[in-house]
Amino acid sequence: MLFKNIFTILSTKIYYLIGYLRASIKGVKLSPYCKISPKANIDGVRYIGEASIASNVTIGKGSYINSGVIHSGYIGEYCSIGYDVCIGPTEHDYSNWTTSPALNNKNSELYVVPPNISHDVWICAGVTILRGCKIGKGSIVAAGAVVTKDIPEYEIWGGVPAKFIKKRFSDKSLEVSAREKLDNVLRLNDEDSMDS
């Protein structure tokens, strides 16, 4: 068992080193403590801090992550991800007689669609976003929240479980203006990527 464990440690370090080097080559600013799967799609990401990024993850241009674990999901462009965030954790199938993988012959992990976080979303510190949730463009999730259902565009949510707090803009014209500006930036990014 000792040699198997040593082999596992070495192969895991090499695996994450490949992801780290790949991200560095793509110009991502990285903390020396981050772990990035080489299979993660992180083209154009601005910064990855003390975070662990799994293979079933896509993070858009201009987004940054301070720290936490991103198990699965799509994170749009220009998102701000705070400290100690958990996105798309695995979930156990509680309909079986046990939730323990050690006692269950079949896979006790429940498959749920990964979370989808749209563009220009601010996820504050200590937030958990469960699988299957969608977070709309321009939304904010307050510190410590646990997101268990979809959040519409340009809304602020918080709490456990997360609930609606207020619209991000009290004046509808400000929301329309923010939406237009973001859409213009995203359109220009698409045009730039097509020219490349």
C-alpha atoms as a PDB file:
ATOM      1  CA  MET A   1       0.000   0.000   0.000  1.00  0.00           C
ATOM      2  CA  LEU A   2       2.906   2.368   0.738  1.00  0.00           C
ATOM      3  CA  PHE A   3       4.236   2.225  -2.839  1.00  0.00           C
ATOM      4  CA  LYS A   4       0.757   2.650  -4.258  1.00  0.00           C
ATOM      5  CA  ASN A   5       0.274   5.777  -2.116  1.00  0.00           C
ATOM      6  CA  ILE A   6       3.665   7.185  -3.145  1.00  0.00           C
ATOM      7  CA  PHE A   7       2.831   6.566  -6.810  1.00  0.00           C
ATOM      8  CA  THR A   8      -0.539   8.303  -6.349  1.00  0.00           C
ATOM      9  CA  ILE A   9       1.111  11.352  -4.757  1.00  0.00           C
ATOM     10  CA  LEU A  10       3.690  11.652  -7.542  1.00  0.00           C
ATOM     11  CA  SER A  11       1.220  11.162 -10.381  1.00  0.00           C
ATOM     12  CA  THR A  12      -1.171  13.726  -8.845  1.00  0.00           C
ATOM     13  CA  LYS A  13       1.631  16.302  -8.506  1.00  0.00           C
ATOM     14  CA  ILE A  14       2.651  15.758 -12.143  1.00  0.00           C
ATOM     15  CA  TYR A  15      -0.980  15.997 -13.294  1.00  0.00           C
ATOM     16  CA  TYR A  16      -1.506  19.375 -11.590  1.00  0.00           C
ATOM     17  CA  LEU A  17       1.932  20.601 -12.706  1.00  0.00           C
ATOM     18  CA  ILE A  18       0.861  20.039 -16.323  1.00  0.00           C
ATOM     19  CA  GLY A  19      -2.290  22.095 -15.684  1.00  0.00           C
ATOM     20  CA  TYR A  20      -0.252  24.826 -13.985  1.00  0.00           C
ATOM     21  CA  LEU A  21       2.221  25.021 -16.870  1.00  0.00           C
ATOM     22  CA  ARG A  22      -0.584  25.036 -19.447  1.00  0.00           C
ATOM     23  CA  ALA A  23      -2.297  27.942 -17.652  1.00  0.00           C
ATOM     24  CA  SER A  24       1.014  29.827 -17.370  1.00  0.00           C
ATOM     25  CA  ILE A  25       1.635  29.464 -21.103  1.00  0.00           C
ATOM     26  CA  LYS A  26      -1.856  30.868 -21.750  1.00  0.00           C
ATOM     27  CA  GLY A  27      -0.931  33.964 -19.726  1.00  0.00           C
ATOM     28  CA  VAL A  28      -3.004  33.319 -16.596  1.00  0.00           C
ATOM     29  CA  LYS A  29      -1.612  34.925 -13.428  1.00  0.00           C
ATOM     30  CA  LEU A  30      -1.370  32.089 -10.880  1.00  0.00           C
ATOM     31  CA  SER A  31      -0.811  31.595  -7.179  1.00  0.00           C
ATOM     32  CA  PRO A  32       1.927  29.033  -6.506  1.00  0.00           C
ATOM     33  CA  TYR A  33      -0.660  27.125  -4.443  1.00  0.00           C
ATOM     34  CA  CYS A  34      -3.355  26.573  -7.075  1.00  0.00           C
ATOM     35  CA  LYS A  35      -4.190  23.173  -8.557  1.00  0.00           C
ATOM     36  CA  ILE A  36      -5.529  23.161 -12.109  1.00  0.00           C
ATOM     37  CA  SER A  37      -6.600  20.137 -14.090  1.00  0.00           C
ATOM     38  CA  PRO A  38      -4.970  20.117 -17.538  1.00  0.00           C
ATOM     39  CA  LYS A  39      -8.468  19.358 -18.889  1.00  0.00           C
ATOM     40  CA  ALA A  40     -10.028  22.548 -17.449  1.00  0.00           C
ATOM     41  CA  ASN A  41     -10.866  25.234 -20.019  1.00  0.00           C
ATOM     42  CA  ILE A  42      -9.381  28.458 -18.641  1.00  0.00           C
ATOM     43  CA  ASP A  43      -8.458  30.472 -21.746  1.00  0.00           C
ATOM     44  CA  GLY A  44      -8.290  34.188 -20.965  1.00  0.00           C
ATOM     45  CA  VAL A  45      -8.751  33.846 -17.200  1.00  0.00           C
ATOM     46  CA  ARG A  46      -7.212  36.797 -15.360  1.00  0.00           C
ATOM     47  CA  TYR A  47      -6.094  35.220 -12.058  1.00  0.00           C
ATOM     48  CA  ILE A  48      -6.353  31.963 -10.109  1.00  0.00           C
ATOM     49  CA  GLY A  49      -5.421  32.127  -6.429  1.00  0.00           C
ATOM     50  CA  GLU A  50      -5.328  29.259  -3.931  1.00  0.00           C
ATOM     51  CA  ALA A  51      -7.996  27.351  -5.820  1.00  0.00           C
ATOM     52  CA  SER A  52      -8.450  23.803  -7.035  1.00  0.00           C
ATOM     53  CA  ILE A  53      -9.966  23.624 -10.533  1.00  0.00           C
ATOM     54  CA  ALA A  54     -11.313  20.242 -11.716  1.00  0.00           C
ATOM     55  CA  SER A  55     -11.422  18.905 -15.276  1.00  0.00           C
ATOM     56  CA  ASN A  56     -15.157  19.509 -15.830  1.00  0.00           C
ATOM     57  CA  VAL A  57     -14.763  23.299 -15.488  1.00  0.00           C
ATOM     58  CA  THR A  58     -14.853  26.183 -17.975  1.00  0.00           C
ATOM     59  CA  ILE A  59     -13.944  29.704 -16.848  1.00  0.00           C
ATOM     60  CA  GLY A  60     -14.412  32.691 -19.152  1.00  0.00           C
ATOM     61  CA  LYS A  61     -12.125  35.528 -20.185  1.00  0.00           C
ATOM     62  CA  GLY A  62     -11.342  38.196 -17.604  1.00  0.00           C
ATOM     63  CA  SER A  63     -12.685  36.190 -14.659  1.00  0.00           C
ATOM     64  CA  TYR A  64     -10.702  35.626 -11.486  1.00  0.00           C
ATOM     65  CA  ILE A  65     -10.879  33.236  -8.545  1.00  0.00           C
ATOM     66  CA  ASN A  66      -9.306  34.067  -5.191  1.00  0.00           C
ATOM     67  CA  SER A  67      -9.589  30.685  -3.477  1.00  0.00           C
ATOM     68  CA  GLY A  68     -11.773  27.640  -3.102  1.00  0.00           C
ATOM     69  CA  VAL A  69     -12.732  24.522  -4.992  1.00  0.00           C
ATOM     70  CA  ILE A  70     -14.402  24.496  -8.393  1.00  0.00           C
ATOM     71  CA  HIS A  71     -15.587  20.888  -8.810  1.00  0.00           C
ATOM     72  CA  SER A  72     -17.674  21.390 -11.950  1.00  0.00           C
ATOM     73  CA  GLY A  73     -19.475  24.032 -13.953  1.00  0.00           C
ATOM     74  CA  TYR A  74     -19.329  26.916 -16.351  1.00  0.00           C
ATOM     75  CA  ILE A  75     -18.229  30.359 -15.153  1.00  0.00           C
ATOM     76  CA  GLY A  76     -18.800  33.164 -17.653  1.00  0.00           C
ATOM     77  CA  GLU A  77     -16.622  36.114 -18.612  1.00  0.00           C
ATOM     78  CA  TYR A  78     -15.615  38.880 -16.173  1.00  0.00           C
ATOM     79  CA  CYS A  79     -16.795  37.052 -13.056  1.00  0.00           C
ATOM     80  CA  SER A  80     -15.342  37.890  -9.640  1.00  0.00           C
ATOM     81  CA  ILE A  81     -15.039  34.836  -7.394  1.00  0.00           C
ATOM     82  CA  GLY A  82     -14.178  35.542  -3.735  1.00  0.00           C
ATOM     83  CA  TYR A  83     -12.305  33.561  -1.107  1.00  0.00           C
ATOM     84  CA  ASP A  84     -13.207  30.036   0.053  1.00  0.00           C
ATOM     85  CA  VAL A  85     -15.872  29.462  -2.584  1.00  0.00           C
ATOM     86  CA  CYS A  86     -17.188  25.979  -3.438  1.00  0.00           C
ATOM     87  CA  ILE A  87     -18.819  25.571  -6.856  1.00  0.00           C
ATOM     88  CA  GLY A  88     -20.471  22.368  -8.103  1.00  0.00           C
ATOM     89  CA  PRO A  89     -19.522  19.920  -5.341  1.00  0.00           C
ATOM     90  CA  THR A  90     -20.331  16.248  -5.773  1.00  0.00           C
ATOM     91  CA  GLU A  91     -23.601  15.163  -4.235  1.00  0.00           C
ATOM     92  CA  HIS A  92     -24.437  11.795  -2.695  1.00  0.00           C
ATOM     93  CA  ASP A  93     -27.526   9.810  -3.601  1.00  0.00           C
ATOM     94  CA  TYR A  94     -29.488   9.857  -0.347  1.00  0.00           C
ATOM     95  CA  SER A  95     -32.260   7.637  -1.769  1.00  0.00           C
ATOM     96  CA  ASN A  96     -30.003   4.563  -1.289  1.00  0.00           C
ATOM     97  CA  TRP A  97     -29.890   2.731   2.042  1.00  0.00           C
ATOM     98  CA  THR A  98     -26.538   4.471   2.684  1.00  0.00           C
ATOM     99  CA  THR A  99     -24.815   7.588   1.445  1.00  0.00           C
ATOM    100  CA  SER A 100     -21.365   6.151   2.150  1.00  0.00           C
ATOM    101  CA  PRO A 101     -19.337   5.056  -0.889  1.00  0.00           C
ATOM    102  CA  ALA A 102     -17.537   2.582   1.410  1.00  0.00           C
ATOM    103  CA  LEU A 103     -20.798   0.705   2.111  1.00  0.00           C
ATOM    104  CA  ASN A 104     -22.375   0.982  -1.310  1.00  0.00           C
ATOM    105  CA  ASN A 105     -21.365  -1.354  -4.155  1.00  0.00           C
ATOM    106  CA  LYS A 106     -22.535   1.019  -6.858  1.00  0.00           C
ATOM    107  CA  ASN A 107     -21.515   4.635  -7.277  1.00  0.00           C
ATOM    108  CA  SER A 108     -23.166   6.569  -4.452  1.00  0.00           C
ATOM    109  CA  GLU A 109     -22.476   9.858  -6.186  1.00  0.00           C
ATOM    110  CA  LEU A 110     -25.592  11.429  -7.651  1.00  0.00           C
ATOM    111  CA  TYR A 111     -25.206  12.971 -11.111  1.00  0.00           C
ATOM    112  CA  VAL A 112     -26.623  16.464 -11.290  1.00  0.00           C
ATOM    113  CA  VAL A 113     -25.981  18.971 -14.083  1.00  0.00           C
ATOM    114  CA  PRO A 114     -23.027  21.262 -13.237  1.00  0.00           C
ATOM    115  CA  PRO A 115     -23.808  24.859 -12.226  1.00  0.00           C
ATOM    116  CA  ASN A 116     -23.900  27.594 -14.864  1.00  0.00           C
ATOM    117  CA  ILE A 117     -22.718  31.054 -13.808  1.00  0.00           C
ATOM    118  CA  SER A 118     -23.320  33.729 -16.441  1.00  0.00           C
ATOM    119  CA  HIS A 119     -21.148  36.784 -17.221  1.00  0.00           C
ATOM    120  CA  ASP A 120     -20.210  39.611 -14.816  1.00  0.00           C
ATOM    121  CA  VAL A 121     -21.323  37.737 -11.684  1.00  0.00           C
ATOM    122  CA  TRP A 122     -19.802  38.507  -8.282  1.00  0.00           C
ATOM    123  CA  ILE A 123     -19.595  35.494  -5.959  1.00  0.00           C
ATOM    124  CA  CYS A 124     -18.569  36.775  -2.511  1.00  0.00           C
ATOM    125  CA  ALA A 125     -16.463  34.931   0.086  1.00  0.00           C
ATOM    126  CA  GLY A 126     -17.583  31.606   1.530  1.00  0.00           C
ATOM    127  CA  VAL A 127     -20.341  30.935  -1.007  1.00  0.00           C
ATOM    128  CA  THR A 128     -21.385  27.396  -1.986  1.00  0.00           C
ATOM    129  CA  ILE A 129     -23.176  26.897  -5.314  1.00  0.00           C
ATOM    130  CA  LEU A 130     -24.768  23.476  -5.717  1.00  0.00           C
ATOM    131  CA  ARG A 131     -25.016  21.605  -8.995  1.00  0.00           C
ATOM    132  CA  GLY A 132     -27.994  22.297 -11.229  1.00  0.00           C
ATOM    133  CA  CYS A 133     -28.116  26.008 -10.326  1.00  0.00           C
ATOM    134  CA  LYS A 134     -27.982  28.836 -12.864  1.00  0.00           C
ATOM    135  CA  ILE A 135     -26.877  32.322 -11.889  1.00  0.00           C
ATOM    136  CA  GLY A 136     -27.981  35.101 -14.215  1.00  0.00           C
ATOM    137  CA  LYS A 137     -25.850  37.784 -15.798  1.00  0.00           C
ATOM    138  CA  GLY A 138     -24.768  40.651 -13.527  1.00  0.00           C
ATOM    139  CA  SER A 139     -25.958  39.023 -10.295  1.00  0.00           C
ATOM    140  CA  ILE A 140     -24.304  39.146  -6.874  1.00  0.00           C
ATOM    141  CA  VAL A 141     -24.268  36.314  -4.311  1.00  0.00           C
ATOM    142  CA  ALA A 142     -23.610  37.616  -0.774  1.00  0.00           C
ATOM    143  CA  ALA A 143     -20.912  36.187   1.502  1.00  0.00           C
ATOM    144  CA  GLY A 144     -21.632  32.822   3.114  1.00  0.00           C
ATOM    145  CA  ALA A 145     -24.670  32.033   0.959  1.00  0.00           C
ATOM    146  CA  VAL A 146     -25.621  28.531  -0.156  1.00  0.00           C
ATOM    147  CA  VAL A 147     -27.201  28.643  -3.612  1.00  0.00           C
ATOM    148  CA  THR A 148     -29.733  25.831  -4.093  1.00  0.00           C
ATOM    149  CA  LYS A 149     -31.820  27.259  -6.958  1.00  0.00           C
ATOM    150  CA  ASP A 150     -31.563  29.559  -9.976  1.00  0.00           C
ATOM    151  CA  ILE A 151     -30.841  33.273  -9.538  1.00  0.00           C
ATOM    152  CA  PRO A 152     -32.242  35.665 -12.199  1.00  0.00           C
ATOM    153  CA  GLU A 153     -30.158  38.369 -13.907  1.00  0.00           C
ATOM    154  CA  TYR A 154     -29.097  41.505 -12.020  1.00  0.00           C
ATOM    155  CA  GLU A 155     -30.316  40.401  -8.599  1.00  0.00           C
ATOM    156  CA  ILE A 156     -28.598  40.205  -5.206  1.00  0.00           C
ATOM    157  CA  TRP A 157     -29.142  37.021  -3.184  1.00  0.00           C
ATOM    158  CA  GLY A 158     -27.843  35.861   0.186  1.00  0.00           C
ATOM    159  CA  GLY A 159     -28.446  33.544   3.124  1.00  0.00           C
ATOM    160  CA  VAL A 160     -28.712  29.812   3.763  1.00  0.00           C
ATOM    161  CA  PRO A 161     -30.382  28.771   1.579  1.00  0.00           C
ATOM    162  CA  ALA A 162     -29.877  31.825  -0.653  1.00  0.00           C
ATOM    163  CA  LYS A 163     -32.924  34.036  -1.076  1.00  0.00           C
ATOM    164  CA  PHE A 164     -33.678  37.193  -3.049  1.00  0.00           C
ATOM    165  CA  ILE A 165     -32.493  40.369  -1.271  1.00  0.00           C
ATOM    166  CA  LYS A 166     -33.065  43.051  -3.903  1.00  0.00           C
ATOM    167  CA  LYS A 167     -32.594  44.025  -7.526  1.00  0.00           C
ATOM    168  CA  ARG A 168     -29.079  45.227  -8.245  1.00  0.00           C
ATOM    169  CA  PHE A 169     -30.383  48.451  -9.795  1.00  0.00           C
ATOM    170  CA  SER A 170     -33.447  50.220  -8.397  1.00  0.00           C
ATOM    171  CA  ASP A 171     -33.806  52.165 -11.640  1.00  0.00           C
ATOM    172  CA  LYS A 172     -34.691  49.941 -14.633  1.00  0.00           C
ATOM    173  CA  SER A 173     -32.794  52.291 -16.990  1.00  0.00           C
ATOM    174  CA  LEU A 174     -29.550  51.614 -15.064  1.00  0.00           C
ATOM    175  CA  GLU A 175     -30.058  47.866 -15.495  1.00  0.00           C
ATOM    176  CA  VAL A 176     -30.709  48.326 -19.226  1.00  0.00           C
ATOM    177  CA  SER A 177     -27.559  50.465 -19.519  1.00  0.00           C
ATOM    178  CA  ALA A 178     -25.439  47.893 -17.634  1.00  0.00           C
ATOM    179  CA  ARG A 179     -26.848  45.086 -19.785  1.00  0.00           C
ATOM    180  CA  GLU A 180     -26.070  46.994 -23.026  1.00  0.00           C
ATOM    181  CA  LYS A 181     -22.506  47.826 -21.936  1.00  0.00           C
ATOM    182  CA  LEU A 182     -21.783  44.218 -20.960  1.00  0.00           C
ATOM    183  CA  ASP A 183     -23.324  42.881 -24.174  1.00  0.00           C
ATOM    184  CA  ASN A 184     -21.119  45.280 -26.194  1.00  0.00           C
ATOM    185  CA  VAL A 185     -17.980  44.074 -24.385  1.00  0.00           C
ATOM    186  CA  LEU A 186     -18.944  40.427 -24.934  1.00  0.00           C
ATOM    187  CA  ARG A 187     -19.705  41.067 -28.616  1.00  0.00           C
ATOM    188  CA  LEU A 188     -16.317  42.768 -29.111  1.00  0.00           C
ATOM    189  CA  ASN A 189     -14.615  39.787 -27.417  1.00  0.00           C
ATOM    190  CA  ASP A 190     -16.401  37.406 -29.798  1.00  0.00           C
ATOM    191  CA  GLU A 191     -15.295  39.489 -32.793  1.00  0.00           C
ATOM    192  CA  ASP A 192     -11.696  39.566 -31.521  1.00  0.00           C
ATOM    193  CA  SER A 193     -11.659  35.786 -31.043  1.00  0.00           C
ATOM    194  CA  MET A 194     -13.006  35.274 -34.577  1.00  0.00           C
ATOM    195  CA  ASP A 195     -10.249  37.496 -36.012  1.00  0.00           C
ATOM    196  CA  SER A 196      -7.538  35.505 -34.193  1.00  0.00           C
END
